[in-house]
N, C-alpha and C. Protein backbone atom coordinates (compact mmCIF):
# COMPACT_ATOMS: atom_id res chain seq x y z
N MET A 1 24.29 -65.62 -89.90
CA MET A 1 23.51 -65.18 -91.04
C MET A 1 22.06 -65.00 -90.62
N VAL A 2 21.42 -63.96 -91.12
CA VAL A 2 20.01 -63.72 -90.82
C VAL A 2 19.23 -64.92 -91.30
N SER A 3 18.47 -65.54 -90.39
CA SER A 3 17.76 -66.76 -90.74
C SER A 3 16.45 -66.48 -91.46
N ASP A 4 15.86 -65.34 -91.21
CA ASP A 4 14.57 -65.03 -91.81
C ASP A 4 14.72 -63.83 -92.75
N ILE A 5 14.95 -64.13 -94.02
CA ILE A 5 15.16 -63.08 -95.02
C ILE A 5 13.93 -62.20 -95.14
N GLU A 6 12.74 -62.80 -95.06
CA GLU A 6 11.49 -62.02 -95.15
C GLU A 6 11.42 -60.99 -94.01
N ALA A 7 11.84 -61.40 -92.81
CA ALA A 7 11.83 -60.48 -91.67
C ALA A 7 12.81 -59.34 -91.91
N MET A 8 13.97 -59.65 -92.50
CA MET A 8 14.94 -58.60 -92.79
C MET A 8 14.39 -57.65 -93.84
N ILE A 9 13.73 -58.17 -94.87
CA ILE A 9 13.14 -57.32 -95.91
C ILE A 9 12.07 -56.42 -95.29
N ASP A 10 11.22 -57.00 -94.45
CA ASP A 10 10.20 -56.20 -93.76
C ASP A 10 10.84 -55.13 -92.89
N PHE A 11 11.93 -55.49 -92.21
CA PHE A 11 12.65 -54.52 -91.38
C PHE A 11 13.11 -53.34 -92.21
N PHE A 12 13.74 -53.60 -93.35
CA PHE A 12 14.26 -52.51 -94.17
C PHE A 12 13.17 -51.67 -94.82
N LYS A 13 11.98 -52.20 -94.92
CA LYS A 13 10.85 -51.43 -95.45
C LYS A 13 10.24 -50.51 -94.38
N SER A 14 10.63 -50.69 -93.14
CA SER A 14 10.06 -49.92 -92.03
C SER A 14 10.77 -48.58 -91.87
N GLU A 15 10.00 -47.58 -91.47
CA GLU A 15 10.53 -46.23 -91.26
C GLU A 15 11.67 -46.26 -90.24
N GLY A 16 12.77 -45.62 -90.60
CA GLY A 16 13.89 -45.45 -89.68
C GLY A 16 14.82 -46.64 -89.56
N SER A 17 14.56 -47.72 -90.27
CA SER A 17 15.38 -48.92 -90.10
C SER A 17 16.84 -48.68 -90.50
N CYS A 18 17.04 -48.13 -91.67
CA CYS A 18 18.42 -47.88 -92.13
C CYS A 18 19.10 -46.83 -91.25
N ALA A 19 18.33 -45.81 -90.87
CA ALA A 19 18.89 -44.75 -90.02
C ALA A 19 19.37 -45.32 -88.69
N VAL A 20 18.64 -46.27 -88.14
CA VAL A 20 19.04 -46.89 -86.87
C VAL A 20 20.36 -47.62 -87.04
N LEU A 21 20.50 -48.42 -88.08
CA LEU A 21 21.75 -49.14 -88.28
C LEU A 21 22.91 -48.19 -88.56
N LEU A 22 22.63 -47.12 -89.32
CA LEU A 22 23.69 -46.14 -89.62
C LEU A 22 24.12 -45.38 -88.36
N ALA A 23 23.25 -45.32 -87.36
CA ALA A 23 23.55 -44.56 -86.15
C ALA A 23 24.42 -45.34 -85.16
N VAL A 24 24.60 -46.63 -85.40
CA VAL A 24 25.37 -47.46 -84.47
C VAL A 24 26.84 -47.46 -84.88
N ASP A 25 27.69 -47.04 -83.97
CA ASP A 25 29.13 -47.03 -84.21
C ASP A 25 29.61 -48.47 -84.39
N PRO A 26 30.27 -48.77 -85.51
CA PRO A 26 30.68 -50.15 -85.79
C PRO A 26 31.67 -50.73 -84.77
N GLU A 27 32.42 -49.89 -84.09
CA GLU A 27 33.42 -50.39 -83.14
C GLU A 27 32.92 -50.36 -81.70
N ASP A 28 32.40 -49.21 -81.27
CA ASP A 28 32.06 -49.03 -79.85
C ASP A 28 30.58 -49.18 -79.53
N GLY A 29 29.75 -49.36 -80.56
CA GLY A 29 28.32 -49.41 -80.29
C GLY A 29 27.82 -48.07 -79.78
N ASN A 30 26.55 -48.00 -79.46
CA ASN A 30 25.96 -46.76 -78.95
C ASN A 30 24.90 -47.06 -77.91
N LEU A 31 24.76 -46.13 -76.99
CA LEU A 31 23.68 -46.20 -76.02
C LEU A 31 22.36 -45.92 -76.74
N THR A 32 21.29 -46.45 -76.19
CA THR A 32 19.96 -46.24 -76.78
C THR A 32 19.69 -44.76 -76.99
N GLY A 33 19.96 -43.94 -75.99
CA GLY A 33 19.72 -42.50 -76.08
C GLY A 33 20.53 -41.84 -77.18
N GLU A 34 21.77 -42.29 -77.36
CA GLU A 34 22.61 -41.74 -78.43
C GLU A 34 22.02 -42.05 -79.80
N ILE A 35 21.51 -43.25 -79.95
CA ILE A 35 20.91 -43.64 -81.22
C ILE A 35 19.65 -42.80 -81.46
N LYS A 36 18.84 -42.64 -80.45
CA LYS A 36 17.61 -41.84 -80.59
C LYS A 36 17.91 -40.40 -80.97
N GLU A 37 19.02 -39.85 -80.47
CA GLU A 37 19.41 -38.48 -80.82
C GLU A 37 19.85 -38.37 -82.27
N ARG A 38 20.41 -39.43 -82.82
CA ARG A 38 20.98 -39.39 -84.17
C ARG A 38 19.98 -39.77 -85.27
N VAL A 39 18.84 -40.34 -84.89
CA VAL A 39 17.88 -40.81 -85.89
C VAL A 39 16.69 -39.84 -85.94
N PRO A 40 16.44 -39.27 -87.12
CA PRO A 40 15.36 -38.28 -87.25
C PRO A 40 13.98 -38.93 -87.37
N THR A 41 13.65 -39.72 -86.37
CA THR A 41 12.37 -40.43 -86.30
C THR A 41 11.92 -40.38 -84.85
N ALA A 42 10.64 -40.56 -84.63
CA ALA A 42 10.10 -40.55 -83.26
C ALA A 42 10.83 -41.56 -82.38
N PRO A 43 11.11 -41.19 -81.13
CA PRO A 43 11.86 -42.09 -80.24
C PRO A 43 11.23 -43.48 -80.08
N ASN A 44 9.89 -43.56 -80.03
CA ASN A 44 9.27 -44.88 -79.88
C ASN A 44 9.48 -45.72 -81.14
N THR A 45 9.55 -45.08 -82.31
CA THR A 45 9.83 -45.80 -83.55
C THR A 45 11.26 -46.33 -83.53
N VAL A 46 12.19 -45.53 -83.02
CA VAL A 46 13.58 -45.97 -82.91
C VAL A 46 13.66 -47.19 -81.99
N THR A 47 12.96 -47.14 -80.87
CA THR A 47 12.95 -48.28 -79.95
C THR A 47 12.42 -49.54 -80.64
N GLU A 48 11.34 -49.38 -81.41
CA GLU A 48 10.79 -50.52 -82.15
C GLU A 48 11.82 -51.08 -83.13
N ARG A 49 12.51 -50.20 -83.86
CA ARG A 49 13.50 -50.66 -84.85
C ARG A 49 14.68 -51.34 -84.16
N LEU A 50 15.11 -50.80 -83.01
CA LEU A 50 16.19 -51.45 -82.27
C LEU A 50 15.79 -52.86 -81.87
N ASN A 51 14.59 -53.01 -81.35
CA ASN A 51 14.11 -54.34 -80.94
C ASN A 51 13.99 -55.28 -82.14
N GLU A 52 13.47 -54.77 -83.25
CA GLU A 52 13.34 -55.59 -84.45
C GLU A 52 14.71 -56.01 -84.99
N ALA A 53 15.66 -55.06 -85.02
CA ALA A 53 17.00 -55.36 -85.52
C ALA A 53 17.68 -56.41 -84.63
N GLU A 54 17.42 -56.33 -83.34
CA GLU A 54 17.98 -57.33 -82.44
C GLU A 54 17.30 -58.68 -82.66
N ASP A 55 15.99 -58.67 -82.84
CA ASP A 55 15.25 -59.92 -83.05
C ASP A 55 15.70 -60.67 -84.30
N ILE A 56 16.05 -59.93 -85.37
CA ILE A 56 16.45 -60.61 -86.61
C ILE A 56 17.96 -60.78 -86.73
N GLY A 57 18.70 -60.34 -85.71
CA GLY A 57 20.13 -60.63 -85.68
C GLY A 57 21.03 -59.59 -86.31
N LEU A 58 20.57 -58.35 -86.48
CA LEU A 58 21.43 -57.30 -87.03
C LEU A 58 22.12 -56.51 -85.93
N LEU A 59 21.53 -56.50 -84.76
CA LEU A 59 22.11 -55.82 -83.58
C LEU A 59 22.09 -56.77 -82.40
N ARG A 60 22.98 -56.50 -81.46
CA ARG A 60 22.93 -57.18 -80.17
C ARG A 60 23.05 -56.10 -79.11
N SER A 61 22.37 -56.30 -78.02
CA SER A 61 22.48 -55.32 -76.93
C SER A 61 23.19 -55.97 -75.76
N GLN A 62 23.85 -55.13 -75.02
CA GLN A 62 24.46 -55.59 -73.78
C GLN A 62 24.49 -54.42 -72.83
N GLY A 63 24.68 -54.74 -71.58
CA GLY A 63 24.65 -53.72 -70.55
C GLY A 63 25.76 -52.69 -70.70
N ALA A 64 25.82 -51.84 -69.74
CA ALA A 64 26.74 -50.70 -69.76
C ALA A 64 28.19 -51.15 -69.79
N LYS A 65 29.01 -50.32 -70.39
CA LYS A 65 30.45 -50.51 -70.32
C LYS A 65 30.99 -49.39 -69.43
N ALA A 66 32.25 -49.43 -69.10
CA ALA A 66 32.85 -48.43 -68.21
C ALA A 66 32.58 -47.03 -68.75
N GLY A 67 32.08 -46.18 -67.89
CA GLY A 67 31.79 -44.80 -68.28
C GLY A 67 30.33 -44.57 -68.61
N ASP A 68 29.55 -45.63 -68.87
CA ASP A 68 28.12 -45.49 -69.12
C ASP A 68 27.39 -45.41 -67.79
N HIS A 69 26.20 -44.82 -67.81
CA HIS A 69 25.42 -44.80 -66.57
C HIS A 69 24.93 -46.21 -66.27
N GLY A 70 24.62 -46.48 -65.02
CA GLY A 70 24.38 -47.82 -64.51
C GLY A 70 23.42 -48.70 -65.28
N ASN A 71 22.24 -48.20 -65.65
CA ASN A 71 21.26 -49.06 -66.30
C ASN A 71 21.23 -48.86 -67.82
N ALA A 72 22.35 -48.41 -68.35
CA ALA A 72 22.44 -48.14 -69.79
C ALA A 72 22.37 -49.44 -70.59
N ASN A 73 21.86 -49.33 -71.79
CA ASN A 73 21.83 -50.44 -72.73
C ASN A 73 22.58 -49.99 -73.97
N ARG A 74 23.58 -50.74 -74.36
CA ARG A 74 24.42 -50.39 -75.50
C ARG A 74 24.17 -51.39 -76.62
N TYR A 75 24.00 -50.87 -77.84
CA TYR A 75 23.76 -51.71 -79.01
C TYR A 75 25.02 -51.79 -79.87
N TYR A 76 25.28 -52.99 -80.38
CA TYR A 76 26.41 -53.25 -81.26
C TYR A 76 25.90 -53.93 -82.53
N LEU A 77 26.58 -53.66 -83.64
CA LEU A 77 26.27 -54.37 -84.88
C LEU A 77 26.78 -55.80 -84.78
N THR A 78 25.97 -56.75 -85.21
CA THR A 78 26.43 -58.13 -85.34
C THR A 78 27.19 -58.24 -86.66
N GLN A 79 27.69 -59.43 -86.96
CA GLN A 79 28.36 -59.63 -88.25
C GLN A 79 27.39 -59.33 -89.40
N ASP A 80 26.14 -59.80 -89.28
CA ASP A 80 25.14 -59.52 -90.31
C ASP A 80 24.83 -58.02 -90.38
N GLY A 81 24.80 -57.38 -89.22
CA GLY A 81 24.58 -55.94 -89.20
C GLY A 81 25.70 -55.18 -89.89
N ARG A 82 26.92 -55.66 -89.72
CA ARG A 82 28.07 -55.04 -90.39
C ARG A 82 27.98 -55.21 -91.91
N VAL A 83 27.53 -56.38 -92.35
CA VAL A 83 27.36 -56.62 -93.79
C VAL A 83 26.33 -55.63 -94.34
N CYS A 84 25.22 -55.46 -93.61
CA CYS A 84 24.19 -54.50 -94.04
C CYS A 84 24.74 -53.08 -94.04
N LEU A 85 25.54 -52.73 -93.04
CA LEU A 85 26.13 -51.40 -92.99
C LEU A 85 27.03 -51.17 -94.21
N VAL A 86 27.84 -52.14 -94.57
CA VAL A 86 28.70 -52.01 -95.74
C VAL A 86 27.84 -51.80 -96.99
N ALA A 87 26.76 -52.54 -97.11
CA ALA A 87 25.87 -52.38 -98.26
C ALA A 87 25.26 -50.98 -98.28
N MET A 88 24.83 -50.48 -97.13
CA MET A 88 24.24 -49.13 -97.06
C MET A 88 25.26 -48.06 -97.43
N VAL A 89 26.47 -48.20 -96.92
CA VAL A 89 27.52 -47.23 -97.23
C VAL A 89 27.88 -47.29 -98.71
N SER A 90 27.90 -48.49 -99.29
CA SER A 90 28.20 -48.59 -100.72
C SER A 90 27.13 -47.93 -101.58
N LEU A 91 25.92 -47.82 -101.05
CA LEU A 91 24.84 -47.11 -101.73
C LEU A 91 24.83 -45.62 -101.39
N ASN A 92 25.81 -45.18 -100.60
CA ASN A 92 25.91 -43.78 -100.14
C ASN A 92 24.75 -43.37 -99.24
N MET A 93 24.15 -44.33 -98.57
CA MET A 93 23.06 -44.00 -97.66
C MET A 93 23.54 -43.17 -96.48
N ASP A 94 24.79 -43.38 -96.06
CA ASP A 94 25.31 -42.60 -94.95
C ASP A 94 25.39 -41.12 -95.32
N GLU A 95 25.87 -40.83 -96.54
CA GLU A 95 25.94 -39.44 -96.99
C GLU A 95 24.55 -38.85 -97.17
N ALA A 96 23.63 -39.64 -97.73
CA ALA A 96 22.26 -39.17 -97.91
C ALA A 96 21.60 -38.87 -96.57
N MET A 97 21.86 -39.72 -95.57
CA MET A 97 21.28 -39.50 -94.24
C MET A 97 21.85 -38.23 -93.61
N ASN A 98 23.16 -38.01 -93.76
CA ASN A 98 23.76 -36.79 -93.22
C ASN A 98 23.18 -35.56 -93.91
N ALA A 99 23.01 -35.61 -95.22
CA ALA A 99 22.42 -34.49 -95.95
C ALA A 99 20.98 -34.26 -95.50
N TYR A 100 20.24 -35.32 -95.31
CA TYR A 100 18.85 -35.23 -94.85
C TYR A 100 18.78 -34.56 -93.47
N ILE A 101 19.66 -34.96 -92.58
CA ILE A 101 19.67 -34.38 -91.23
C ILE A 101 20.05 -32.90 -91.29
N GLU A 102 21.01 -32.54 -92.15
CA GLU A 102 21.37 -31.13 -92.32
C GLU A 102 20.20 -30.31 -92.85
N ILE A 103 19.48 -30.86 -93.81
CA ILE A 103 18.31 -30.16 -94.36
C ILE A 103 17.24 -30.01 -93.29
N LEU A 104 17.03 -31.06 -92.49
CA LEU A 104 16.06 -30.96 -91.40
C LEU A 104 16.45 -29.86 -90.42
N ASP A 105 17.74 -29.76 -90.12
CA ASP A 105 18.22 -28.70 -89.23
C ASP A 105 17.92 -27.32 -89.81
N VAL A 106 18.19 -27.14 -91.11
CA VAL A 106 17.91 -25.86 -91.77
C VAL A 106 16.41 -25.57 -91.72
N LEU A 107 15.59 -26.57 -92.04
CA LEU A 107 14.14 -26.37 -92.01
C LEU A 107 13.65 -26.04 -90.60
N ASN A 108 14.21 -26.69 -89.60
CA ASN A 108 13.81 -26.40 -88.22
C ASN A 108 14.17 -24.97 -87.83
N LYS A 109 15.36 -24.51 -88.23
CA LYS A 109 15.76 -23.13 -87.94
C LYS A 109 14.87 -22.13 -88.67
N LEU A 110 14.56 -22.42 -89.93
CA LEU A 110 13.67 -21.53 -90.68
C LEU A 110 12.26 -21.53 -90.10
N THR A 111 11.83 -22.69 -89.61
CA THR A 111 10.52 -22.76 -88.96
C THR A 111 10.50 -21.90 -87.71
N GLU A 112 11.58 -21.95 -86.93
CA GLU A 112 11.67 -21.09 -85.74
C GLU A 112 11.60 -19.62 -86.13
N GLU A 113 12.28 -19.24 -87.21
CA GLU A 113 12.21 -17.86 -87.68
C GLU A 113 10.79 -17.50 -88.10
N MET A 114 10.13 -18.42 -88.78
CA MET A 114 8.77 -18.18 -89.23
C MET A 114 7.82 -18.03 -88.05
N VAL A 115 8.00 -18.85 -87.03
CA VAL A 115 7.17 -18.75 -85.83
C VAL A 115 7.42 -17.41 -85.15
N GLY A 116 8.68 -17.00 -85.07
CA GLY A 116 9.01 -15.69 -84.49
C GLY A 116 8.35 -14.56 -85.26
N TRP A 117 8.35 -14.67 -86.58
CA TRP A 117 7.70 -13.65 -87.41
C TRP A 117 6.20 -13.66 -87.16
N ALA A 118 5.60 -14.85 -87.13
CA ALA A 118 4.15 -14.95 -86.95
C ALA A 118 3.72 -14.45 -85.57
N GLU A 119 4.58 -14.64 -84.57
CA GLU A 119 4.27 -14.17 -83.22
C GLU A 119 4.60 -12.70 -83.04
N GLY A 120 5.14 -12.08 -84.08
CA GLY A 120 5.47 -10.66 -84.00
C GLY A 120 6.78 -10.36 -83.32
N GLU A 121 7.58 -11.39 -83.06
CA GLU A 121 8.86 -11.20 -82.39
C GLU A 121 9.99 -10.92 -83.37
N ALA A 122 9.78 -11.22 -84.63
CA ALA A 122 10.80 -11.00 -85.64
C ALA A 122 10.14 -10.36 -86.85
N SER A 123 10.94 -9.72 -87.64
CA SER A 123 10.41 -9.04 -88.81
C SER A 123 11.15 -9.47 -90.06
N LEU A 124 10.44 -9.46 -91.16
CA LEU A 124 11.08 -9.70 -92.45
C LEU A 124 11.46 -8.40 -93.11
N PHE A 125 11.29 -7.30 -92.37
CA PHE A 125 11.51 -5.97 -92.92
C PHE A 125 12.54 -5.20 -92.10
N LEU A 126 13.26 -4.33 -92.77
CA LEU A 126 14.18 -3.43 -92.10
C LEU A 126 13.39 -2.24 -91.56
N GLU A 127 14.04 -1.41 -90.76
CA GLU A 127 13.35 -0.26 -90.18
C GLU A 127 12.76 0.68 -91.22
N ASP A 128 13.38 0.79 -92.38
CA ASP A 128 12.88 1.70 -93.42
C ASP A 128 11.78 1.05 -94.27
N GLY A 129 11.33 -0.17 -93.91
CA GLY A 129 10.24 -0.81 -94.62
C GLY A 129 10.67 -1.71 -95.76
N ARG A 130 11.96 -1.68 -96.11
CA ARG A 130 12.43 -2.57 -97.17
C ARG A 130 12.51 -3.99 -96.63
N PRO A 131 12.30 -4.98 -97.50
CA PRO A 131 12.39 -6.37 -97.04
C PRO A 131 13.82 -6.72 -96.63
N ASP A 132 13.92 -7.52 -95.61
CA ASP A 132 15.22 -7.96 -95.10
C ASP A 132 15.66 -9.21 -95.87
N VAL A 133 16.01 -9.01 -97.14
CA VAL A 133 16.50 -10.09 -97.99
C VAL A 133 17.78 -9.62 -98.65
N PRO A 134 18.61 -10.55 -99.06
CA PRO A 134 19.85 -10.15 -99.73
C PRO A 134 19.54 -9.36 -101.01
N GLU A 135 20.45 -8.50 -101.38
CA GLU A 135 20.28 -7.67 -102.56
C GLU A 135 20.02 -8.50 -103.81
N GLU A 136 20.64 -9.68 -103.88
CA GLU A 136 20.48 -10.52 -105.07
C GLU A 136 19.14 -11.24 -105.09
N GLY A 137 18.37 -11.19 -104.01
CA GLY A 137 17.02 -11.74 -104.03
C GLY A 137 16.77 -12.78 -102.97
N ILE A 138 15.51 -13.04 -102.75
CA ILE A 138 15.10 -13.95 -101.69
C ILE A 138 15.49 -15.39 -101.99
N SER A 139 15.51 -15.78 -103.26
CA SER A 139 15.80 -17.18 -103.57
C SER A 139 17.21 -17.55 -103.14
N ASP A 140 18.16 -16.63 -103.22
CA ASP A 140 19.54 -16.94 -102.85
C ASP A 140 19.68 -17.16 -101.35
N GLN A 141 18.78 -16.59 -100.56
CA GLN A 141 18.86 -16.73 -99.11
C GLN A 141 18.54 -18.17 -98.69
N PHE A 142 17.77 -18.89 -99.48
CA PHE A 142 17.32 -20.21 -99.07
C PHE A 142 17.84 -21.32 -99.95
N GLU A 143 18.85 -21.06 -100.77
CA GLU A 143 19.32 -22.09 -101.69
C GLU A 143 19.89 -23.27 -100.92
N LEU A 144 19.49 -24.44 -101.34
CA LEU A 144 19.98 -25.69 -100.76
C LEU A 144 20.39 -26.60 -101.90
N GLY A 145 21.60 -26.47 -102.34
CA GLY A 145 22.08 -27.32 -103.42
C GLY A 145 21.32 -27.14 -104.71
N GLY A 146 20.96 -25.91 -105.05
CA GLY A 146 20.27 -25.64 -106.30
C GLY A 146 18.76 -25.69 -106.17
N ALA A 147 18.25 -26.12 -105.05
CA ALA A 147 16.81 -26.14 -104.85
C ALA A 147 16.46 -25.14 -103.77
N TYR A 148 15.24 -24.73 -103.75
CA TYR A 148 14.78 -23.87 -102.68
C TYR A 148 13.39 -24.31 -102.27
N PRO A 149 13.00 -24.03 -101.03
CA PRO A 149 11.66 -24.41 -100.62
C PRO A 149 10.64 -23.79 -101.58
N GLY A 150 9.71 -24.58 -102.06
CA GLY A 150 8.72 -24.10 -102.99
C GLY A 150 9.12 -24.33 -104.43
N ASP A 151 10.13 -25.17 -104.66
CA ASP A 151 10.64 -25.42 -106.01
C ASP A 151 9.54 -25.88 -106.97
N ASP A 152 8.54 -26.55 -106.43
CA ASP A 152 7.50 -27.07 -107.31
C ASP A 152 6.21 -26.26 -107.24
N LEU A 153 6.31 -24.98 -106.88
CA LEU A 153 5.15 -24.11 -106.88
C LEU A 153 4.74 -23.80 -108.31
N PRO A 154 3.46 -23.47 -108.52
CA PRO A 154 3.05 -23.07 -109.87
C PRO A 154 3.86 -21.86 -110.34
N ASP A 155 4.00 -21.73 -111.66
CA ASP A 155 4.84 -20.68 -112.24
C ASP A 155 4.48 -19.29 -111.73
N ASN A 156 3.21 -18.99 -111.55
CA ASN A 156 2.85 -17.64 -111.12
C ASN A 156 3.42 -17.31 -109.74
N TYR A 157 3.51 -18.29 -108.84
CA TYR A 157 4.10 -18.05 -107.53
C TYR A 157 5.61 -17.92 -107.65
N GLU A 158 6.21 -18.77 -108.47
CA GLU A 158 7.66 -18.73 -108.66
C GLU A 158 8.07 -17.38 -109.24
N SER A 159 7.33 -16.89 -110.22
CA SER A 159 7.68 -15.61 -110.82
C SER A 159 7.51 -14.48 -109.80
N PHE A 160 6.53 -14.62 -108.90
CA PHE A 160 6.36 -13.62 -107.85
C PHE A 160 7.62 -13.54 -107.00
N ILE A 161 8.18 -14.71 -106.66
CA ILE A 161 9.38 -14.74 -105.81
C ILE A 161 10.58 -14.18 -106.56
N PHE A 162 10.78 -14.61 -107.81
CA PHE A 162 11.98 -14.25 -108.55
C PHE A 162 11.94 -12.87 -109.18
N GLU A 163 10.78 -12.40 -109.58
CA GLU A 163 10.71 -11.17 -110.36
C GLU A 163 10.21 -9.97 -109.57
N SER A 164 9.79 -10.18 -108.36
CA SER A 164 9.24 -9.08 -107.58
C SER A 164 10.32 -8.06 -107.27
N ASP A 165 9.94 -6.80 -107.34
CA ASP A 165 10.87 -5.76 -106.94
C ASP A 165 10.74 -5.49 -105.45
N PHE A 166 9.92 -6.30 -104.79
CA PHE A 166 9.73 -6.28 -103.35
C PHE A 166 9.09 -5.00 -102.84
N GLU A 167 8.48 -4.22 -103.71
CA GLU A 167 7.74 -3.06 -103.22
C GLU A 167 6.40 -3.47 -102.64
N ASP A 168 5.89 -4.62 -103.07
CA ASP A 168 4.59 -5.08 -102.60
C ASP A 168 4.74 -6.15 -101.52
N MET A 169 5.82 -6.09 -100.77
CA MET A 169 6.08 -7.13 -99.78
C MET A 169 5.18 -7.02 -98.55
N GLU A 170 4.27 -6.05 -98.51
CA GLU A 170 3.39 -5.97 -97.35
C GLU A 170 2.51 -7.21 -97.23
N VAL A 171 2.42 -8.01 -98.31
CA VAL A 171 1.66 -9.25 -98.19
C VAL A 171 2.31 -10.19 -97.19
N LEU A 172 3.58 -9.96 -96.86
CA LEU A 172 4.27 -10.79 -95.88
C LEU A 172 4.25 -10.18 -94.48
N ASN A 173 3.54 -9.10 -94.31
CA ASN A 173 3.45 -8.44 -93.02
C ASN A 173 2.27 -9.03 -92.26
N PRO A 174 2.50 -9.67 -91.11
CA PRO A 174 1.40 -10.33 -90.41
C PRO A 174 0.38 -9.36 -89.83
N THR A 175 0.72 -8.09 -89.78
CA THR A 175 -0.24 -7.12 -89.23
C THR A 175 -1.28 -6.71 -90.26
N THR A 176 -1.08 -7.09 -91.51
CA THR A 176 -2.10 -6.83 -92.53
C THR A 176 -2.65 -8.14 -93.01
N SER A 177 -3.85 -8.12 -93.53
CA SER A 177 -4.41 -9.37 -94.02
C SER A 177 -3.75 -9.70 -95.36
N LEU A 178 -3.56 -10.97 -95.59
CA LEU A 178 -2.93 -11.42 -96.82
C LEU A 178 -3.92 -11.37 -97.97
N ASP A 179 -3.50 -10.85 -99.09
CA ASP A 179 -4.31 -10.81 -100.28
C ASP A 179 -3.72 -11.83 -101.27
N TYR A 180 -4.28 -13.05 -101.22
CA TYR A 180 -3.75 -14.11 -102.05
C TYR A 180 -3.97 -13.85 -103.54
N GLU A 181 -4.92 -13.00 -103.88
CA GLU A 181 -5.13 -12.66 -105.28
C GLU A 181 -3.90 -11.96 -105.85
N GLN A 182 -3.18 -11.26 -104.98
CA GLN A 182 -1.99 -10.55 -105.41
C GLN A 182 -0.90 -11.52 -105.87
N LEU A 183 -0.95 -12.75 -105.38
CA LEU A 183 0.05 -13.74 -105.73
C LEU A 183 -0.25 -14.44 -107.05
N LYS A 184 -1.46 -14.30 -107.57
CA LYS A 184 -1.84 -15.00 -108.80
C LYS A 184 -1.42 -14.26 -110.04
């Protein structure tokens, strides 16, 4: 049993703590690198959480098992760690974490597209000058479970996105200067 409840509470208040425990396979454990790949937090933060979880008795580490590289460190859930994992799963934290990671992946891909557009390598327009958006509108292209990026924009911006006939889409052309007054 975790001897220091305050330390456990502090641990769970820390960034990435739940994600670290959720990333550890309950049967086979995981290598440090595998955990770092699965947790959407800075690698040094993951290392800190792994050390903290081990210090308070939620994880234990041991050396490599057959098939791991020589100096590998593998983390396993302790009995207390398993109890915490059951509690997190009962709160659907595992599903929420998977959804969060999927959304991060979508945002990262869209960011890459935006960078390509800003660098002039990609276009938001077809050869005939029409915007490269689905016929039903730009909002449908980015729907994520009923929400879209910019969901909490002021009404005038939202109406610009939803009601535009896209004839004035040159405001999205990086070769022209943006006229933000047009968006108001």
